[in-house]
Amino acid sequence: MAEIADRDANHALRARFDEVYGQYQRLRSGLDELQAKLAELRVTERSDDGQVTAVVGARGELISVDVSPSVFHDRDAKALSRKITATLLRASAAATAATRELVANYLPPGSPSVEFLRTNDVGALFGRADAVLPREV
């Protein structure tokens, strides 16, 4: 009887291992594709009046800034500076959101990492460990 129980337990463990290993293989095979997509990701944002255009990459790094010649009619350097800064911040935030969404598509559904990417809640990363590990008193 114990031998049958051991065999059943081993079968269940093997099935779980195969499932986890399959997830790992899918994740690993998608990393090259993910890296290529992240390298190609560009986000373009324009100021509300269209005079400033900013292009950033996946990490929010500045690729280019274009300024319309019409901004020089005002000759207000501080206003132009604020407009450029606001446009860059919007572009960077949009790039961060696009990167999060792209990376989340390559992670197993329901994983704590996906929840962290979507919410920035560090507790999501540690929730499972907190549930499994005993707390010190």
C-alpha atoms as a PDB file:
ATOM      1  CA  MET A   1       0.000   0.000   0.000  1.00  0.00           C
ATOM      2  CA  ALA A   2       2.820   2.442   0.915  1.00  0.00           C
ATOM      3  CA  GLU A   3       4.530   1.624  -2.371  1.00  0.00           C
ATOM      4  CA  ILE A   4       1.408   2.634  -4.329  1.00  0.00           C
ATOM      5  CA  ALA A   5       1.141   5.875  -2.366  1.00  0.00           C
ATOM      6  CA  ASP A   6       4.819   6.625  -3.068  1.00  0.00           C
ATOM      7  CA  ARG A   7       4.320   5.900  -6.766  1.00  0.00           C
ATOM      8  CA  ASP A   8       1.263   8.199  -6.875  1.00  0.00           C
ATOM      9  CA  ALA A   9       3.171  10.953  -5.071  1.00  0.00           C
ATOM     10  CA  ASN A  10       6.112  10.575  -7.451  1.00  0.00           C
ATOM     11  CA  HIS A  11       3.764  10.684 -10.428  1.00  0.00           C
ATOM     12  CA  ALA A  12       2.165  13.896  -9.126  1.00  0.00           C
ATOM     13  CA  LEU A  13       5.571  15.476  -8.457  1.00  0.00           C
ATOM     14  CA  ARG A  14       6.786  14.507 -11.926  1.00  0.00           C
ATOM     15  CA  ALA A  15       3.673  15.993 -13.516  1.00  0.00           C
ATOM     16  CA  ARG A  16       4.174  19.243 -11.596  1.00  0.00           C
ATOM     17  CA  PHE A  17       7.855  19.327 -12.545  1.00  0.00           C
ATOM     18  CA  ASP A  18       6.959  18.818 -16.219  1.00  0.00           C
ATOM     19  CA  GLU A  19       4.450  21.666 -16.002  1.00  0.00           C
ATOM     20  CA  VAL A  20       6.923  24.071 -14.361  1.00  0.00           C
ATOM     21  CA  TYR A  21       9.692  23.047 -16.743  1.00  0.00           C
ATOM     22  CA  GLY A  22       7.367  23.673 -19.700  1.00  0.00           C
ATOM     23  CA  GLN A  23       6.634  27.164 -18.369  1.00  0.00           C
ATOM     24  CA  TYR A  24      10.362  27.784 -17.991  1.00  0.00           C
ATOM     25  CA  GLN A  25      11.047  26.635 -21.567  1.00  0.00           C
ATOM     26  CA  ARG A  26       8.314  28.918 -22.945  1.00  0.00           C
ATOM     27  CA  LEU A  27       9.671  31.834 -20.928  1.00  0.00           C
ATOM     28  CA  ARG A  28      13.239  31.149 -22.003  1.00  0.00           C
ATOM     29  CA  SER A  29      12.352  30.807 -25.683  1.00  0.00           C
ATOM     30  CA  GLY A  30      10.501  34.129 -25.571  1.00  0.00           C
ATOM     31  CA  LEU A  31      13.387  36.087 -24.064  1.00  0.00           C
ATOM     32  CA  ASP A  32      15.153  36.678 -27.376  1.00  0.00           C
ATOM     33  CA  GLU A  33      11.921  37.934 -28.894  1.00  0.00           C
ATOM     34  CA  LEU A  34      11.251  40.104 -25.847  1.00  0.00           C
ATOM     35  CA  GLN A  35      14.746  41.626 -25.990  1.00  0.00           C
ATOM     36  CA  ALA A  36      14.285  42.469 -29.662  1.00  0.00           C
ATOM     37  CA  LYS A  37      10.880  44.063 -29.030  1.00  0.00           C
ATOM     38  CA  LEU A  38      12.247  46.109 -26.124  1.00  0.00           C
ATOM     39  CA  ALA A  39      15.189  47.283 -28.234  1.00  0.00           C
ATOM     40  CA  GLU A  40      12.778  48.402 -30.971  1.00  0.00           C
ATOM     41  CA  LEU A  41      10.191  50.010 -28.667  1.00  0.00           C
ATOM     42  CA  ARG A  42       9.754  53.713 -29.328  1.00  0.00           C
ATOM     43  CA  VAL A  43       7.137  55.966 -27.759  1.00  0.00           C
ATOM     44  CA  THR A  44       6.351  59.359 -29.242  1.00  0.00           C
ATOM     45  CA  GLU A  45       4.580  62.108 -27.321  1.00  0.00           C
ATOM     46  CA  ARG A  46       3.697  65.620 -28.432  1.00  0.00           C
ATOM     47  CA  SER A  47       3.046  68.681 -26.354  1.00  0.00           C
ATOM     48  CA  ASP A  48      -0.580  69.789 -26.177  1.00  0.00           C
ATOM     49  CA  ASP A  49       0.037  72.476 -28.794  1.00  0.00           C
ATOM     50  CA  GLY A  50       2.104  70.148 -30.999  1.00  0.00           C
ATOM     51  CA  GLN A  51       5.209  72.326 -30.855  1.00  0.00           C
ATOM     52  CA  VAL A  52       7.395  69.772 -29.048  1.00  0.00           C
ATOM     53  CA  THR A  53       7.768  66.093 -29.984  1.00  0.00           C
ATOM     54  CA  ALA A  54       9.729  63.653 -27.823  1.00  0.00           C
ATOM     55  CA  VAL A  55      10.691  60.087 -28.711  1.00  0.00           C
ATOM     56  CA  VAL A  56      11.889  57.743 -25.962  1.00  0.00           C
ATOM     57  CA  GLY A  57      12.924  54.097 -25.765  1.00  0.00           C
ATOM     58  CA  ALA A  58      11.726  51.226 -23.588  1.00  0.00           C
ATOM     59  CA  ARG A  59      13.436  52.510 -20.440  1.00  0.00           C
ATOM     60  CA  GLY A  60      12.252  56.061 -21.021  1.00  0.00           C
ATOM     61  CA  GLU A  61      15.645  57.060 -22.416  1.00  0.00           C
ATOM     62  CA  LEU A  62      15.549  60.036 -24.730  1.00  0.00           C
ATOM     63  CA  ILE A  63      15.936  59.205 -28.417  1.00  0.00           C
ATOM     64  CA  SER A  64      15.060  62.586 -29.892  1.00  0.00           C
ATOM     65  CA  VAL A  65      13.367  65.916 -29.281  1.00  0.00           C
ATOM     66  CA  ASP A  66      11.942  67.979 -32.099  1.00  0.00           C
ATOM     67  CA  VAL A  67      10.949  71.589 -31.589  1.00  0.00           C
ATOM     68  CA  SER A  68       8.756  73.418 -34.065  1.00  0.00           C
ATOM     69  CA  PRO A  69      10.225  76.724 -35.281  1.00  0.00           C
ATOM     70  CA  SER A  70       7.016  78.428 -34.138  1.00  0.00           C
ATOM     71  CA  VAL A  71       8.101  78.118 -30.483  1.00  0.00           C
ATOM     72  CA  PHE A  72      10.712  80.787 -31.076  1.00  0.00           C
ATOM     73  CA  HIS A  73       8.067  83.402 -31.844  1.00  0.00           C
ATOM     74  CA  ASP A  74       7.176  83.571 -28.151  1.00  0.00           C
ATOM     75  CA  ARG A  75      10.801  83.911 -27.020  1.00  0.00           C
ATOM     76  CA  ASP A  76       9.861  82.526 -23.620  1.00  0.00           C
ATOM     77  CA  ALA A  77      12.687  80.143 -22.753  1.00  0.00           C
ATOM     78  CA  LYS A  78      11.136  79.102 -19.431  1.00  0.00           C
ATOM     79  CA  ALA A  79       7.800  78.203 -21.018  1.00  0.00           C
ATOM     80  CA  LEU A  80       9.615  76.228 -23.697  1.00  0.00           C
ATOM     81  CA  SER A  81      11.658  74.445 -21.033  1.00  0.00           C
ATOM     82  CA  ARG A  82       8.481  73.511 -19.112  1.00  0.00           C
ATOM     83  CA  LYS A  83       6.823  72.319 -22.319  1.00  0.00           C
ATOM     84  CA  ILE A  84       9.812  70.126 -23.231  1.00  0.00           C
ATOM     85  CA  THR A  85      10.038  68.720 -19.694  1.00  0.00           C
ATOM     86  CA  ALA A  86       6.313  67.921 -19.522  1.00  0.00           C
ATOM     87  CA  THR A  87       6.409  66.222 -22.925  1.00  0.00           C
ATOM     88  CA  LEU A  88       9.452  64.153 -21.961  1.00  0.00           C
ATOM     89  CA  LEU A  89       7.845  63.093 -18.688  1.00  0.00           C
ATOM     90  CA  ARG A  90       4.680  61.968 -20.494  1.00  0.00           C
ATOM     91  CA  ALA A  91       6.759  60.055 -23.046  1.00  0.00           C
ATOM     92  CA  SER A  92       8.791  58.384 -20.321  1.00  0.00           C
ATOM     93  CA  ALA A  93       5.663  57.378 -18.382  1.00  0.00           C
ATOM     94  CA  ALA A  94       4.081  55.977 -21.554  1.00  0.00           C
ATOM     95  CA  ALA A  95       7.260  54.016 -22.328  1.00  0.00           C
ATOM     96  CA  THR A  96       7.292  52.571 -18.814  1.00  0.00           C
ATOM     97  CA  ALA A  97       3.675  51.452 -19.185  1.00  0.00           C
ATOM     98  CA  ALA A  98       4.349  49.941 -22.631  1.00  0.00           C
ATOM     99  CA  THR A  99       7.423  48.112 -21.320  1.00  0.00           C
ATOM    100  CA  ARG A 100       5.513  46.729 -18.337  1.00  0.00           C
ATOM    101  CA  GLU A 101       2.752  45.449 -20.579  1.00  0.00           C
ATOM    102  CA  LEU A 102       5.198  43.895 -23.025  1.00  0.00           C
ATOM    103  CA  VAL A 103       7.189  42.134 -20.293  1.00  0.00           C
ATOM    104  CA  ALA A 104       4.003  40.952 -18.557  1.00  0.00           C
ATOM    105  CA  ASN A 105       2.993  39.157 -21.765  1.00  0.00           C
ATOM    106  CA  TYR A 106       6.083  36.945 -21.453  1.00  0.00           C
ATOM    107  CA  LEU A 107       5.560  35.929 -17.820  1.00  0.00           C
ATOM    108  CA  PRO A 108       3.308  33.125 -16.620  1.00  0.00           C
ATOM    109  CA  PRO A 109      -0.262  34.352 -16.023  1.00  0.00           C
ATOM    110  CA  GLY A 110      -1.038  35.078 -12.393  1.00  0.00           C
ATOM    111  CA  SER A 111       2.613  35.214 -11.364  1.00  0.00           C
ATOM    112  CA  PRO A 112       3.577  37.700  -8.649  1.00  0.00           C
ATOM    113  CA  SER A 113       5.978  39.336 -11.107  1.00  0.00           C
ATOM    114  CA  VAL A 114       3.105  40.233 -13.445  1.00  0.00           C
ATOM    115  CA  GLU A 115       1.151  41.776 -10.574  1.00  0.00           C
ATOM    116  CA  PHE A 116       4.227  43.750  -9.503  1.00  0.00           C
ATOM    117  CA  LEU A 117       4.757  45.045 -13.055  1.00  0.00           C
ATOM    118  CA  ARG A 118       1.149  46.176 -13.263  1.00  0.00           C
ATOM    119  CA  THR A 119       0.826  47.737  -9.790  1.00  0.00           C
ATOM    120  CA  ASN A 120       4.375  48.418  -8.517  1.00  0.00           C
ATOM    121  CA  ASP A 121       3.240  46.693  -5.307  1.00  0.00           C
ATOM    122  CA  VAL A 122       6.364  45.061  -3.877  1.00  0.00           C
ATOM    123  CA  GLY A 123       4.131  43.050  -1.557  1.00  0.00           C
ATOM    124  CA  ALA A 124       2.907  41.145  -4.629  1.00  0.00           C
ATOM    125  CA  LEU A 125       6.433  39.790  -5.095  1.00  0.00           C
ATOM    126  CA  PHE A 126       6.666  38.555  -1.529  1.00  0.00           C
ATOM    127  CA  GLY A 127       3.059  37.509  -0.907  1.00  0.00           C
ATOM    128  CA  ARG A 128       3.648  33.832  -1.638  1.00  0.00           C
ATOM    129  CA  ALA A 129       6.870  33.709   0.381  1.00  0.00           C
ATOM    130  CA  ASP A 130       5.107  35.399   3.299  1.00  0.00           C
ATOM    131  CA  ALA A 131       2.339  32.807   3.151  1.00  0.00           C
ATOM    132  CA  VAL A 132       4.753  29.875   3.062  1.00  0.00           C
ATOM    133  CA  LEU A 133       7.546  30.980   5.364  1.00  0.00           C
ATOM    134  CA  PRO A 134       6.944  31.159   9.125  1.00  0.00           C
ATOM    135  CA  ARG A 135       7.272  34.546  10.731  1.00  0.00           C
ATOM    136  CA  GLU A 136       9.695  35.037  13.559  1.00  0.00           C
ATOM    137  CA  VAL A 137       8.116  35.915  16.858  1.00  0.00           C
END
